[in-house]
Each structure stands twice: as C-alpha cells, then as structure tokens.
N, C-alpha and C. Protein backbone atom coordinates (compact mmCIF):
# COMPACT_ATOMS: atom_id res chain seq x y z
N MET A 1 159.99 9.14 109.94
CA MET A 1 161.01 8.62 110.85
C MET A 1 160.46 7.40 111.57
N THR A 2 161.23 6.28 111.56
CA THR A 2 160.80 5.02 112.18
C THR A 2 161.27 4.98 113.62
N VAL A 3 160.32 4.60 114.53
CA VAL A 3 160.64 4.50 115.95
C VAL A 3 160.48 3.04 116.38
N LYS A 4 161.51 2.49 116.99
CA LYS A 4 161.48 1.10 117.44
C LYS A 4 160.93 1.03 118.86
N ILE A 5 159.91 0.15 119.06
CA ILE A 5 159.27 0.01 120.37
C ILE A 5 159.94 -1.14 121.09
N THR A 6 160.52 -0.87 122.21
CA THR A 6 161.22 -1.90 122.98
C THR A 6 160.43 -2.39 124.18
N LYS A 7 159.38 -1.63 124.56
CA LYS A 7 158.54 -2.01 125.71
C LYS A 7 157.28 -2.72 125.25
N LYS A 8 156.66 -3.42 126.20
CA LYS A 8 155.44 -4.17 125.92
C LYS A 8 154.27 -3.22 125.70
N ILE A 9 153.51 -3.45 124.62
CA ILE A 9 152.36 -2.60 124.32
C ILE A 9 151.18 -3.03 125.18
N VAL A 10 150.65 -2.13 125.98
CA VAL A 10 149.51 -2.45 126.86
C VAL A 10 148.22 -1.78 126.37
N GLY A 11 148.28 -0.96 125.36
CA GLY A 11 147.10 -0.28 124.82
C GLY A 11 147.50 0.66 123.70
N TYR A 12 146.52 1.12 122.99
CA TYR A 12 146.82 2.06 121.90
C TYR A 12 145.64 3.02 121.69
N GLN A 13 145.91 4.11 121.03
CA GLN A 13 144.89 5.13 120.74
C GLN A 13 145.29 5.88 119.49
N VAL A 14 144.31 6.09 118.60
CA VAL A 14 144.56 6.81 117.36
C VAL A 14 144.44 8.30 117.63
N LYS A 15 145.49 9.00 117.37
CA LYS A 15 145.49 10.44 117.60
C LYS A 15 145.04 11.17 116.34
N LYS A 16 143.98 11.97 116.54
CA LYS A 16 143.44 12.72 115.41
C LYS A 16 144.12 14.08 115.31
N ALA A 17 144.17 14.54 114.08
CA ALA A 17 144.79 15.86 113.86
C ALA A 17 143.88 16.94 114.44
N GLU A 18 144.44 17.79 115.26
CA GLU A 18 143.65 18.85 115.90
C GLU A 18 143.40 19.98 114.90
N ALA A 19 142.12 20.37 114.87
CA ALA A 19 141.77 21.47 113.97
C ALA A 19 142.34 22.77 114.51
N ALA A 20 142.81 23.55 113.61
CA ALA A 20 143.39 24.84 114.02
C ALA A 20 142.28 25.74 114.56
N THR A 21 142.45 26.22 115.76
CA THR A 21 141.44 27.08 116.37
C THR A 21 141.58 28.49 115.83
N PRO A 22 140.50 29.00 115.24
CA PRO A 22 140.59 30.36 114.69
C PRO A 22 140.76 31.38 115.79
N GLU A 23 141.46 32.42 115.46
CA GLU A 23 141.68 33.49 116.42
C GLU A 23 140.39 34.29 116.60
N THR A 24 139.98 34.40 117.82
CA THR A 24 138.75 35.14 118.11
C THR A 24 139.08 36.61 118.35
N LYS A 25 138.31 37.43 117.71
CA LYS A 25 138.51 38.86 117.87
C LYS A 25 137.95 39.32 119.21
N ALA A 26 138.60 40.24 119.78
CA ALA A 26 138.13 40.77 121.06
C ALA A 26 136.81 41.52 120.85
N GLU A 27 135.75 41.04 121.53
CA GLU A 27 134.45 41.64 121.38
C GLU A 27 134.32 42.87 122.27
N ASN A 28 133.51 43.80 121.77
CA ASN A 28 133.26 45.02 122.54
C ASN A 28 132.33 44.69 123.69
N THR A 29 132.81 44.79 124.88
CA THR A 29 132.01 44.41 126.05
C THR A 29 131.13 45.56 126.54
N PHE A 30 131.21 46.72 125.90
CA PHE A 30 130.41 47.86 126.36
C PHE A 30 128.95 47.65 125.99
N ALA A 31 128.08 47.71 126.99
CA ALA A 31 126.65 47.57 126.77
C ALA A 31 125.97 48.87 127.20
N PRO A 32 125.28 49.54 126.28
CA PRO A 32 124.62 50.79 126.63
C PRO A 32 123.63 50.62 127.78
N VAL A 33 123.61 51.56 128.69
CA VAL A 33 122.70 51.51 129.83
C VAL A 33 121.33 52.01 129.41
N GLU A 34 120.30 51.21 129.65
CA GLU A 34 118.94 51.60 129.36
C GLU A 34 118.22 51.97 130.66
N MET A 35 117.17 52.74 130.54
CA MET A 35 116.42 53.18 131.71
C MET A 35 115.75 51.99 132.38
N ASN A 36 115.93 51.86 133.70
CA ASN A 36 115.28 50.79 134.45
C ASN A 36 115.18 51.19 135.93
N GLU A 37 114.46 50.40 136.69
CA GLU A 37 114.17 50.72 138.09
C GLU A 37 115.40 50.72 138.98
N SER A 38 116.43 49.98 138.59
CA SER A 38 117.61 49.84 139.44
C SER A 38 118.53 51.07 139.40
N ILE A 39 118.27 51.99 138.47
CA ILE A 39 119.12 53.18 138.37
C ILE A 39 118.75 54.15 139.48
N ALA A 40 119.72 54.43 140.35
CA ALA A 40 119.47 55.34 141.47
C ALA A 40 119.39 56.78 140.98
N ARG A 41 118.61 57.57 141.68
CA ARG A 41 118.45 58.98 141.30
C ARG A 41 119.75 59.73 141.56
N PRO A 42 120.32 60.34 140.52
CA PRO A 42 121.56 61.12 140.73
C PRO A 42 121.25 62.43 141.45
N GLU A 43 122.28 63.09 141.93
CA GLU A 43 122.09 64.34 142.65
C GLU A 43 121.67 65.48 141.72
N PHE A 44 121.99 65.35 140.43
CA PHE A 44 121.67 66.41 139.47
C PHE A 44 120.87 65.84 138.32
N LEU A 45 119.74 66.49 137.99
CA LEU A 45 118.92 66.10 136.86
C LEU A 45 118.63 67.34 136.00
N LEU A 46 118.52 67.12 134.70
CA LEU A 46 118.17 68.20 133.79
C LEU A 46 116.66 68.39 133.82
N GLY A 47 116.19 69.63 134.00
CA GLY A 47 114.76 69.86 134.12
C GLY A 47 114.23 70.91 133.16
N SER A 48 112.95 70.74 132.79
CA SER A 48 112.25 71.72 131.95
C SER A 48 110.88 71.97 132.57
N THR A 49 110.48 73.24 132.64
CA THR A 49 109.20 73.60 133.25
C THR A 49 108.29 74.23 132.20
N TYR A 50 107.05 73.76 132.16
CA TYR A 50 106.06 74.24 131.20
C TYR A 50 104.88 74.85 131.96
N LYS A 51 104.40 75.97 131.49
CA LYS A 51 103.26 76.65 132.11
C LYS A 51 102.01 76.46 131.27
N ILE A 52 100.91 76.07 131.90
CA ILE A 52 99.62 75.99 131.22
C ILE A 52 98.59 76.75 132.05
N LYS A 53 97.64 77.37 131.38
CA LYS A 53 96.57 78.10 132.06
C LYS A 53 95.23 77.67 131.48
N PRO A 54 94.73 76.51 131.90
CA PRO A 54 93.44 76.04 131.39
C PRO A 54 92.29 76.84 131.99
N PRO A 55 91.22 77.05 131.23
CA PRO A 55 90.08 77.82 131.74
C PRO A 55 89.33 77.12 132.87
N VAL A 56 89.59 75.83 133.06
CA VAL A 56 88.89 75.09 134.12
C VAL A 56 89.59 75.26 135.47
N SER A 57 90.71 75.96 135.49
CA SER A 57 91.45 76.18 136.73
C SER A 57 91.66 77.67 136.93
N GLU A 58 91.49 78.12 138.18
CA GLU A 58 91.63 79.54 138.48
C GLU A 58 93.08 80.01 138.32
N HIS A 59 94.03 79.13 138.66
CA HIS A 59 95.44 79.49 138.59
C HIS A 59 96.17 78.63 137.56
N ALA A 60 97.31 79.13 137.12
CA ALA A 60 98.13 78.39 136.16
C ALA A 60 98.77 77.17 136.82
N LEU A 61 99.10 76.18 136.02
CA LEU A 61 99.81 74.99 136.49
C LEU A 61 101.20 74.99 135.88
N TYR A 62 102.18 74.65 136.70
CA TYR A 62 103.57 74.58 136.24
C TYR A 62 104.02 73.12 136.28
N ILE A 63 104.31 72.58 135.11
CA ILE A 63 104.68 71.17 134.97
C ILE A 63 106.19 71.07 134.76
N THR A 64 106.88 70.45 135.70
CA THR A 64 108.33 70.28 135.61
C THR A 64 108.66 68.82 135.35
N ILE A 65 109.42 68.58 134.29
CA ILE A 65 109.85 67.22 133.93
C ILE A 65 111.37 67.17 134.03
N ASN A 66 111.86 66.31 134.91
CA ASN A 66 113.31 66.14 135.07
C ASN A 66 113.78 64.92 134.29
N ASP A 67 114.91 65.08 133.60
CA ASP A 67 115.47 64.01 132.77
C ASP A 67 116.80 63.52 133.34
N ILE A 68 117.06 62.25 133.10
CA ILE A 68 118.34 61.66 133.47
C ILE A 68 119.16 61.43 132.21
N LEU A 69 120.46 61.64 132.29
CA LEU A 69 121.35 61.46 131.14
C LEU A 69 122.05 60.12 131.28
N LEU A 70 121.80 59.20 130.34
CA LEU A 70 122.39 57.87 130.37
C LEU A 70 123.54 57.78 129.37
N ASN A 71 124.57 56.99 129.70
CA ASN A 71 125.74 56.78 128.84
C ASN A 71 126.39 58.12 128.47
N GLU A 72 126.58 58.94 129.48
CA GLU A 72 127.10 60.29 129.26
C GLU A 72 128.50 60.25 128.64
N ASP A 73 128.72 61.17 127.69
CA ASP A 73 130.00 61.32 126.99
C ASP A 73 130.38 60.09 126.17
N THR A 74 129.38 59.36 125.68
CA THR A 74 129.62 58.23 124.78
C THR A 74 128.76 58.41 123.54
N ASP A 75 128.96 57.51 122.55
CA ASP A 75 128.14 57.56 121.34
C ASP A 75 126.71 57.14 121.62
N HIS A 76 126.47 56.53 122.77
CA HIS A 76 125.13 56.03 123.12
C HIS A 76 124.42 56.95 124.11
N GLU A 77 124.87 58.18 124.22
CA GLU A 77 124.28 59.12 125.19
C GLU A 77 122.82 59.40 124.83
N ILE A 78 121.93 59.21 125.81
CA ILE A 78 120.51 59.47 125.61
C ILE A 78 119.95 60.20 126.83
N ARG A 79 118.89 60.93 126.60
CA ARG A 79 118.21 61.68 127.67
C ARG A 79 116.81 61.09 127.83
N ARG A 80 116.48 60.67 129.05
CA ARG A 80 115.20 60.02 129.30
C ARG A 80 114.50 60.69 130.48
N PRO A 81 113.16 60.83 130.41
CA PRO A 81 112.44 61.44 131.53
C PRO A 81 112.52 60.55 132.77
N TYR A 82 112.69 61.18 133.94
CA TYR A 82 112.87 60.43 135.18
C TYR A 82 111.75 60.70 136.19
N GLU A 83 111.28 61.95 136.24
CA GLU A 83 110.22 62.27 137.20
C GLU A 83 109.49 63.53 136.74
N VAL A 84 108.28 63.73 137.26
CA VAL A 84 107.47 64.87 136.90
C VAL A 84 106.84 65.47 138.15
N PHE A 85 106.75 66.79 138.18
CA PHE A 85 106.11 67.51 139.28
C PHE A 85 105.14 68.53 138.70
N ILE A 86 104.02 68.73 139.38
CA ILE A 86 103.04 69.74 138.97
C ILE A 86 102.76 70.64 140.16
N ASN A 87 102.96 71.94 139.96
CA ASN A 87 102.78 72.90 141.05
C ASN A 87 101.78 73.97 140.64
N SER A 88 100.98 74.43 141.61
CA SER A 88 100.00 75.46 141.35
C SER A 88 99.56 76.10 142.67
N LYS A 89 99.12 77.35 142.58
CA LYS A 89 98.57 78.01 143.76
C LYS A 89 97.23 77.39 144.16
N SER A 90 96.54 76.84 143.18
CA SER A 90 95.23 76.26 143.45
C SER A 90 95.38 74.90 144.12
N MET A 91 94.60 74.68 145.18
CA MET A 91 94.62 73.39 145.89
C MET A 91 93.44 72.52 145.46
N GLU A 92 92.68 72.99 144.46
CA GLU A 92 91.47 72.29 144.03
C GLU A 92 91.75 70.89 143.52
N HIS A 93 92.85 70.75 142.77
CA HIS A 93 93.16 69.45 142.15
C HIS A 93 94.33 68.75 142.86
N TYR A 94 94.64 69.17 144.08
CA TYR A 94 95.86 68.73 144.75
C TYR A 94 95.99 67.21 144.83
N GLN A 95 94.95 66.52 145.30
CA GLN A 95 95.07 65.07 145.56
C GLN A 95 95.34 64.28 144.29
N TRP A 96 94.50 64.50 143.25
CA TRP A 96 94.69 63.68 142.06
C TRP A 96 95.93 64.09 141.26
N VAL A 97 96.35 65.37 141.39
CA VAL A 97 97.57 65.81 140.72
C VAL A 97 98.78 65.11 141.32
N ILE A 98 98.83 65.03 142.67
CA ILE A 98 99.94 64.34 143.34
C ILE A 98 99.95 62.86 142.95
N GLY A 99 98.76 62.25 142.95
CA GLY A 99 98.67 60.83 142.57
C GLY A 99 99.11 60.60 141.14
N LEU A 100 98.69 61.49 140.23
CA LEU A 100 99.05 61.34 138.81
C LEU A 100 100.55 61.48 138.60
N THR A 101 101.17 62.47 139.26
CA THR A 101 102.61 62.68 139.07
C THR A 101 103.42 61.50 139.60
N ARG A 102 102.97 60.91 140.69
CA ARG A 102 103.70 59.76 141.24
C ARG A 102 103.61 58.55 140.33
N VAL A 103 102.44 58.33 139.76
CA VAL A 103 102.27 57.19 138.84
C VAL A 103 103.11 57.40 137.57
N ILE A 104 103.06 58.61 137.01
CA ILE A 104 103.82 58.90 135.80
C ILE A 104 105.32 58.76 136.07
N SER A 105 105.79 59.27 137.21
CA SER A 105 107.21 59.18 137.56
C SER A 105 107.63 57.72 137.71
N ALA A 106 106.75 56.89 138.29
CA ALA A 106 107.06 55.47 138.45
C ALA A 106 107.19 54.78 137.10
N VAL A 107 106.34 55.16 136.14
CA VAL A 107 106.41 54.59 134.79
C VAL A 107 107.70 55.03 134.10
N PHE A 108 108.09 56.29 134.29
CA PHE A 108 109.33 56.79 133.71
C PHE A 108 110.53 55.98 134.20
N ARG A 109 110.58 55.72 135.51
CA ARG A 109 111.73 55.02 136.10
C ARG A 109 111.77 53.55 135.71
N LYS A 110 110.63 52.98 135.39
CA LYS A 110 110.59 51.56 135.02
C LYS A 110 111.28 51.32 133.69
N GLY A 111 111.31 52.34 132.84
CA GLY A 111 112.00 52.21 131.56
C GLY A 111 111.14 51.60 130.48
N GLY A 112 111.76 51.20 129.39
CA GLY A 112 111.01 50.67 128.26
C GLY A 112 110.38 51.80 127.45
N ASP A 113 109.36 51.46 126.67
CA ASP A 113 108.67 52.46 125.85
C ASP A 113 107.62 53.16 126.70
N VAL A 114 107.89 54.41 127.08
CA VAL A 114 106.97 55.17 127.93
C VAL A 114 106.13 56.15 127.11
N THR A 115 106.25 56.12 125.80
CA THR A 115 105.51 57.06 124.96
C THR A 115 104.01 56.78 124.97
N PHE A 116 103.62 55.58 125.40
CA PHE A 116 102.19 55.23 125.43
C PHE A 116 101.43 56.13 126.40
N LEU A 117 102.15 56.74 127.36
CA LEU A 117 101.50 57.63 128.33
C LEU A 117 100.78 58.78 127.65
N VAL A 118 101.35 59.27 126.56
CA VAL A 118 100.76 60.40 125.85
C VAL A 118 99.37 60.06 125.35
N GLU A 119 99.24 58.91 124.72
CA GLU A 119 97.94 58.48 124.18
C GLU A 119 96.94 58.22 125.29
N GLU A 120 97.39 57.61 126.39
CA GLU A 120 96.50 57.30 127.51
C GLU A 120 95.96 58.58 128.14
N LEU A 121 96.83 59.56 128.37
CA LEU A 121 96.40 60.82 128.99
C LEU A 121 95.54 61.64 128.05
N SER A 122 95.87 61.62 126.77
CA SER A 122 95.13 62.42 125.78
C SER A 122 93.72 61.89 125.55
N SER A 123 93.45 60.65 125.92
CA SER A 123 92.13 60.06 125.71
C SER A 123 91.21 60.21 126.92
N VAL A 124 91.65 61.00 127.92
CA VAL A 124 90.81 61.25 129.10
C VAL A 124 89.89 62.43 128.80
N TYR A 125 88.58 62.22 128.90
CA TYR A 125 87.60 63.26 128.59
C TYR A 125 86.90 63.74 129.85
N ASP A 126 86.73 65.05 129.95
CA ASP A 126 86.02 65.67 131.06
C ASP A 126 84.51 65.55 130.80
N PRO A 127 83.73 64.99 131.72
CA PRO A 127 82.28 64.87 131.51
C PRO A 127 81.59 66.23 131.36
N ASN A 128 82.22 67.29 131.84
CA ASN A 128 81.65 68.63 131.71
C ASN A 128 82.02 69.29 130.38
N GLY A 129 82.79 68.59 129.56
CA GLY A 129 83.21 69.13 128.28
C GLY A 129 84.63 69.64 128.30
N GLY A 130 85.27 69.67 127.15
CA GLY A 130 86.64 70.14 127.06
C GLY A 130 86.70 71.63 126.83
N TYR A 131 87.83 72.11 126.34
CA TYR A 131 88.02 73.53 126.11
C TYR A 131 89.06 73.74 125.02
N TYR A 132 89.11 74.96 124.51
CA TYR A 132 90.11 75.32 123.50
C TYR A 132 91.24 76.09 124.18
N LYS A 133 92.46 75.67 123.93
CA LYS A 133 93.61 76.41 124.43
C LYS A 133 94.03 77.43 123.38
N LYS A 134 94.96 78.29 123.72
CA LYS A 134 95.41 79.32 122.80
C LYS A 134 95.97 78.69 121.54
N GLY A 135 95.53 79.18 120.39
CA GLY A 135 95.94 78.59 119.12
C GLY A 135 94.82 77.79 118.48
N GLY A 136 93.71 77.61 119.22
CA GLY A 136 92.57 76.89 118.68
C GLY A 136 92.65 75.38 118.81
N VAL A 137 93.57 74.88 119.64
CA VAL A 137 93.71 73.43 119.83
C VAL A 137 92.72 72.97 120.90
N PHE A 138 91.93 71.97 120.58
CA PHE A 138 90.92 71.46 121.52
C PHE A 138 91.55 70.49 122.50
N MET A 139 91.24 70.68 123.78
CA MET A 139 91.69 69.79 124.83
C MET A 139 90.46 69.16 125.50
N PRO A 140 90.32 67.85 125.45
CA PRO A 140 89.14 67.21 126.04
C PRO A 140 89.11 67.27 127.56
N SER A 141 90.24 67.55 128.20
CA SER A 141 90.30 67.62 129.66
C SER A 141 91.63 68.23 130.10
N LEU A 142 91.72 68.55 131.38
CA LEU A 142 92.97 69.05 131.95
C LEU A 142 94.05 67.97 131.91
N VAL A 143 93.65 66.73 132.16
CA VAL A 143 94.59 65.60 132.10
C VAL A 143 95.16 65.47 130.68
N ALA A 144 94.31 65.68 129.68
CA ALA A 144 94.75 65.59 128.29
C ALA A 144 95.79 66.67 127.98
N GLU A 145 95.62 67.86 128.57
CA GLU A 145 96.60 68.93 128.33
C GLU A 145 97.93 68.61 129.00
N ILE A 146 97.87 67.95 130.15
CA ILE A 146 99.11 67.49 130.80
C ILE A 146 99.81 66.48 129.89
N GLY A 147 99.01 65.62 129.27
CA GLY A 147 99.56 64.66 128.31
C GLY A 147 100.18 65.35 127.12
N ALA A 148 99.57 66.46 126.66
CA ALA A 148 100.12 67.22 125.53
C ALA A 148 101.47 67.84 125.90
N VAL A 149 101.61 68.27 127.15
CA VAL A 149 102.89 68.83 127.61
C VAL A 149 103.96 67.75 127.63
N ILE A 150 103.60 66.56 128.12
CA ILE A 150 104.56 65.45 128.14
C ILE A 150 104.97 65.07 126.73
N GLU A 151 104.01 65.09 125.80
CA GLU A 151 104.33 64.79 124.39
C GLU A 151 105.30 65.83 123.83
N LYS A 152 105.04 67.09 124.13
CA LYS A 152 105.93 68.17 123.66
C LYS A 152 107.34 67.98 124.19
N HIS A 153 107.44 67.57 125.46
CA HIS A 153 108.76 67.36 126.06
C HIS A 153 109.45 66.15 125.43
N MET A 154 108.72 65.08 125.21
CA MET A 154 109.31 63.89 124.60
C MET A 154 109.81 64.17 123.19
N LYS A 155 109.12 65.04 122.48
CA LYS A 155 109.58 65.43 121.15
C LYS A 155 110.85 66.27 121.25
N ALA A 156 110.93 67.10 122.29
CA ALA A 156 112.09 67.98 122.46
C ALA A 156 113.36 67.18 122.75
N ILE A 157 113.24 66.05 123.48
CA ILE A 157 114.42 65.26 123.83
C ILE A 157 114.66 64.13 122.84
N GLY A 158 113.82 64.03 121.80
CA GLY A 158 114.03 63.03 120.76
C GLY A 158 113.42 61.68 121.04
N LEU A 159 112.56 61.58 122.06
CA LEU A 159 111.93 60.30 122.37
C LEU A 159 110.78 60.01 121.42
N ILE A 160 110.15 61.07 120.91
CA ILE A 160 109.09 60.96 119.90
C ILE A 160 109.52 61.78 118.70
N GLU A 161 109.42 61.19 117.52
CA GLU A 161 109.80 61.89 116.30
C GLU A 161 108.74 62.94 115.95
N THR A 162 109.20 64.12 115.56
CA THR A 162 108.29 65.20 115.18
C THR A 162 107.97 65.09 113.70
N GLU A 163 106.67 65.05 113.39
CA GLU A 163 106.24 64.98 112.00
C GLU A 163 106.07 66.41 111.47
N GLU A 164 107.02 66.83 110.66
CA GLU A 164 106.98 68.19 110.12
C GLU A 164 106.49 68.17 108.68
N LEU A 165 105.74 69.21 108.34
CA LEU A 165 105.25 69.34 106.97
C LEU A 165 106.38 69.74 106.05
N SER A 166 106.32 69.24 104.84
CA SER A 166 107.33 69.61 103.85
C SER A 166 107.10 71.05 103.41
N ASP A 167 108.13 71.66 102.84
CA ASP A 167 108.02 73.04 102.36
C ASP A 167 106.95 73.15 101.27
N HIS A 168 106.82 72.11 100.46
CA HIS A 168 105.80 72.11 99.40
C HIS A 168 104.40 72.13 99.99
N THR A 169 104.19 71.30 101.04
CA THR A 169 102.87 71.25 101.69
C THR A 169 102.55 72.57 102.38
N LYS A 170 103.56 73.16 103.04
CA LYS A 170 103.36 74.44 103.71
C LYS A 170 102.97 75.52 102.70
N LYS A 171 103.58 75.48 101.53
CA LYS A 171 103.28 76.47 100.49
C LYS A 171 101.85 76.32 100.00
N ILE A 172 101.42 75.07 99.81
CA ILE A 172 100.06 74.82 99.34
C ILE A 172 99.04 75.29 100.37
N LEU A 173 99.30 75.00 101.66
CA LEU A 173 98.38 75.41 102.72
C LEU A 173 98.30 76.93 102.83
N ALA A 174 99.44 77.59 102.66
CA ALA A 174 99.46 79.06 102.72
C ALA A 174 98.63 79.64 101.57
N GLU A 175 98.74 79.02 100.38
CA GLU A 175 97.97 79.49 99.23
C GLU A 175 96.48 79.27 99.45
N LYS A 176 96.12 78.10 100.01
CA LYS A 176 94.71 77.80 100.29
C LYS A 176 94.13 78.78 101.30
N ARG A 177 94.92 79.07 102.33
CA ARG A 177 94.44 79.99 103.36
C ARG A 177 94.23 81.39 102.79
N ALA A 178 95.19 81.85 102.00
CA ALA A 178 95.07 83.18 101.40
C ALA A 178 93.86 83.26 100.48
N GLU A 179 93.63 82.19 99.70
CA GLU A 179 92.48 82.16 98.79
C GLU A 179 91.17 82.14 99.58
N PHE A 180 91.14 81.36 100.67
CA PHE A 180 89.93 81.26 101.49
C PHE A 180 89.59 82.59 102.14
N GLU A 181 90.60 83.25 102.71
CA GLU A 181 90.37 84.51 103.41
C GLU A 181 89.97 85.63 102.44
N SER A 182 90.47 85.54 101.20
CA SER A 182 90.12 86.57 100.22
C SER A 182 88.66 86.45 99.79
N LYS A 183 88.08 85.25 99.91
CA LYS A 183 86.68 85.02 99.54
C LYS A 183 85.73 85.35 100.67
N GLN A 184 86.27 85.47 101.88
CA GLN A 184 85.42 85.72 103.04
C GLN A 184 85.48 87.20 103.42
N SER A 185 84.35 87.86 103.37
CA SER A 185 84.32 89.28 103.74
C SER A 185 84.43 89.47 105.23
N ASN A 186 84.00 88.46 106.00
CA ASN A 186 84.06 88.54 107.47
C ASN A 186 85.03 87.53 108.01
N SER A 187 86.22 87.50 107.44
CA SER A 187 87.20 86.48 107.80
C SER A 187 88.13 86.91 108.92
N ALA A 188 87.73 87.90 109.71
CA ALA A 188 88.59 88.36 110.81
C ALA A 188 88.77 87.25 111.82
N ASN A 189 90.00 87.04 112.23
CA ASN A 189 90.30 85.98 113.19
C ASN A 189 89.98 86.44 114.60
N ASP A 190 89.58 85.48 115.45
CA ASP A 190 89.41 85.82 116.85
C ASP A 190 90.77 85.83 117.53
N SER A 191 90.81 86.28 118.77
CA SER A 191 92.09 86.51 119.46
C SER A 191 92.78 85.24 119.91
N ASP A 192 92.04 84.11 119.94
CA ASP A 192 92.62 82.89 120.49
C ASP A 192 93.12 81.92 119.43
N THR A 193 93.00 82.28 118.16
CA THR A 193 93.44 81.35 117.13
C THR A 193 94.09 82.09 115.98
N ALA A 194 95.04 81.41 115.33
CA ALA A 194 95.73 82.02 114.20
C ALA A 194 95.08 81.61 112.89
N PHE A 195 93.94 80.91 112.96
CA PHE A 195 93.25 80.42 111.77
C PHE A 195 91.91 81.13 111.62
N PRO A 196 91.26 81.00 110.44
CA PRO A 196 89.98 81.68 110.22
C PRO A 196 88.97 81.41 111.33
N ALA A 197 88.18 82.43 111.67
CA ALA A 197 87.25 82.34 112.80
C ALA A 197 86.20 81.26 112.61
N ASN A 198 85.81 81.00 111.37
CA ASN A 198 84.76 80.00 111.14
C ASN A 198 85.33 78.63 110.81
N ALA A 199 86.61 78.41 111.11
CA ALA A 199 87.21 77.09 110.90
C ALA A 199 86.67 76.10 111.93
N THR A 200 86.68 74.82 111.60
CA THR A 200 86.20 73.79 112.52
C THR A 200 87.38 72.93 113.00
N VAL A 201 87.09 72.06 113.96
CA VAL A 201 88.15 71.27 114.59
C VAL A 201 88.58 70.11 113.70
N CYS A 202 89.89 69.96 113.58
CA CYS A 202 90.46 68.85 112.81
C CYS A 202 90.48 67.60 113.68
N LYS A 203 90.00 66.49 113.15
CA LYS A 203 89.97 65.24 113.90
C LYS A 203 91.35 64.62 114.07
N LYS A 204 92.30 65.06 113.26
CA LYS A 204 93.64 64.49 113.33
C LYS A 204 94.51 65.21 114.34
N CYS A 205 94.53 66.56 114.30
CA CYS A 205 95.43 67.31 115.18
C CYS A 205 94.70 68.11 116.26
N SER A 206 93.35 68.01 116.29
CA SER A 206 92.50 68.68 117.31
C SER A 206 92.65 70.19 117.30
N THR A 207 93.03 70.75 116.16
CA THR A 207 93.17 72.20 116.03
C THR A 207 92.00 72.76 115.23
N LYS A 208 91.50 73.91 115.65
CA LYS A 208 90.38 74.56 114.97
C LYS A 208 90.91 75.25 113.72
N ALA A 209 91.16 74.44 112.69
CA ALA A 209 91.81 74.97 111.49
C ALA A 209 91.29 74.36 110.19
N VAL A 210 90.13 73.68 110.24
CA VAL A 210 89.59 73.02 109.04
C VAL A 210 88.67 73.99 108.30
N ILE A 211 88.95 74.19 107.03
CA ILE A 211 88.11 75.03 106.18
C ILE A 211 87.57 74.19 105.03
N VAL A 212 86.52 74.68 104.37
CA VAL A 212 85.94 73.99 103.22
C VAL A 212 86.16 74.85 101.99
N MET A 213 86.89 74.29 101.04
CA MET A 213 87.14 74.98 99.78
C MET A 213 86.84 74.05 98.63
N ASP A 214 85.97 74.51 97.73
CA ASP A 214 85.58 73.71 96.56
C ASP A 214 85.03 72.35 96.98
N GLY A 215 84.29 72.36 98.10
CA GLY A 215 83.67 71.14 98.58
C GLY A 215 84.62 70.17 99.25
N CYS A 216 85.82 70.62 99.58
CA CYS A 216 86.82 69.74 100.19
C CYS A 216 87.27 70.30 101.54
N LYS A 217 87.20 69.49 102.58
CA LYS A 217 87.65 69.90 103.91
C LYS A 217 89.16 69.74 104.02
N THR A 218 89.83 70.81 104.40
CA THR A 218 91.29 70.80 104.51
C THR A 218 91.71 71.48 105.81
N CYS A 219 92.64 70.84 106.54
CA CYS A 219 93.16 71.43 107.76
C CYS A 219 94.37 72.29 107.42
N LEU A 220 94.31 73.56 107.82
CA LEU A 220 95.41 74.48 107.54
C LEU A 220 96.57 74.29 108.50
N ASN A 221 96.41 73.45 109.53
CA ASN A 221 97.48 73.24 110.50
C ASN A 221 98.34 72.02 110.16
N CYS A 222 97.68 70.88 109.93
CA CYS A 222 98.44 69.64 109.67
C CYS A 222 98.36 69.17 108.23
N GLY A 223 97.46 69.77 107.43
CA GLY A 223 97.37 69.41 106.03
C GLY A 223 96.43 68.27 105.74
N ASP A 224 95.76 67.73 106.76
CA ASP A 224 94.82 66.60 106.55
C ASP A 224 93.68 67.05 105.64
N SER A 225 93.36 66.22 104.68
CA SER A 225 92.31 66.58 103.71
C SER A 225 91.50 65.35 103.32
N LYS A 226 90.21 65.55 103.16
CA LYS A 226 89.33 64.46 102.72
C LYS A 226 89.51 64.15 101.24
N CYS A 227 90.13 65.07 100.54
CA CYS A 227 90.32 64.88 99.11
C CYS A 227 91.73 64.34 98.79
N GLY A 228 92.45 63.94 99.81
CA GLY A 228 93.80 63.41 99.59
C GLY A 228 94.75 64.51 99.55
C-alpha cells in the first residue's frame, strides 16, 4: 500500500523487524532448604538416645542426638542432626564432655558436609591405650566410641551410606568360619565376641575377627582379605 507524505520530512529511521520473543516457561521457584546457621531451633525435634558402657568409665554414658526435619511433607524432605547431649552419673569427664557436645552441636547447625566429624573423632587415641567393646570391636578412646555412635546415627538417618556385604560374600565368610572352627579343637569363643577367640583385629573395621586360613588373613566381619 502506497502512502503519500504531505508534510516536510525532518528525519528518518529504518525500522527493523522485531524477533518473536519465545514464550518462557514458568520456572519452579521452590528451593529446598539446606541446613545452615540461620535456621532457628523449632520447639519439637526428633531424638535418638544411645547407651555406651566403656570400661574406662565407672558409669554408662547416654548420648542423645536430636534431628531437625527440613522440607517437611515435600519430595525434598531430609533429616539432619541438630544437636547432641551426653549424660552420665559420673562427673569425671564433665568438663570436656560439655565442651565436646557444644562444639559438635555448633558444627551440626552450620550445615554442609558434617560427616567428617566421624573420622576426626575416631582418630583420637587414648595415651593409656584403647579397649574392646562388646562384639570385639576395638575403640582407641572414649572419644572414638562417641564418634562411632554418631556414625551409627548418621547411617540410620541416611546421611552416610551403609556398606553391606552381598549374600554371596556372607555365604563365603560363613563357610570359612565353619571350616576354621572345625579345625580348631579349642575354638570356644569368649563372652565378649561373636568371633573365634584367637582372632586378631582387622585394620579395616577394627573388629577382632581376622583369622588365618591357608596362609591368608581374612576378616570374618567385613570380608577384608590380603588375598583379594
């Protein structure tokens, strides 16, 4: 269509064709809440209490770990440790126990990857020597056993993946144990362990469950073997 210009031209501009703007899809604005210091303590927390009776303490220790539930009733619901308390009739370890629980609780509330606490606590050694807990598991110190409890709790809430033996491996270990015990005339187990009395400590799982068969050291608890 032709348009006649009757007015004086004072300027001009070339109009470019506008590109069609694509329709933007509505983005999901929901962002899962992660553990951090700004999260206020709710009135209700989920708690679990663990009892330990180390030989280095006259009385038992009760370790309570309280968890906070984040993103409740959503697909992103997670349970994270929030605080820890240790109670005992014994006042012998009162000062350092209170200090330890406050530091651990502060790390829990800070968020991020808190699983490193397990390794740090487990590497604490008592200069007077460690001890064996029920089941034949060696504990280098009381602090290390507290770390073992925290690890157990983290596995229970899914923060640490549990490495389970396959059915095939369990079958092989059961066969090895039966063969070993049949060869030992004095293979009676002591009251504190479910493994042969003359078993040694496994360097991988710290359990007194390593036996020697056909010149090969094998752990009956975790399956670790020098022969592959």
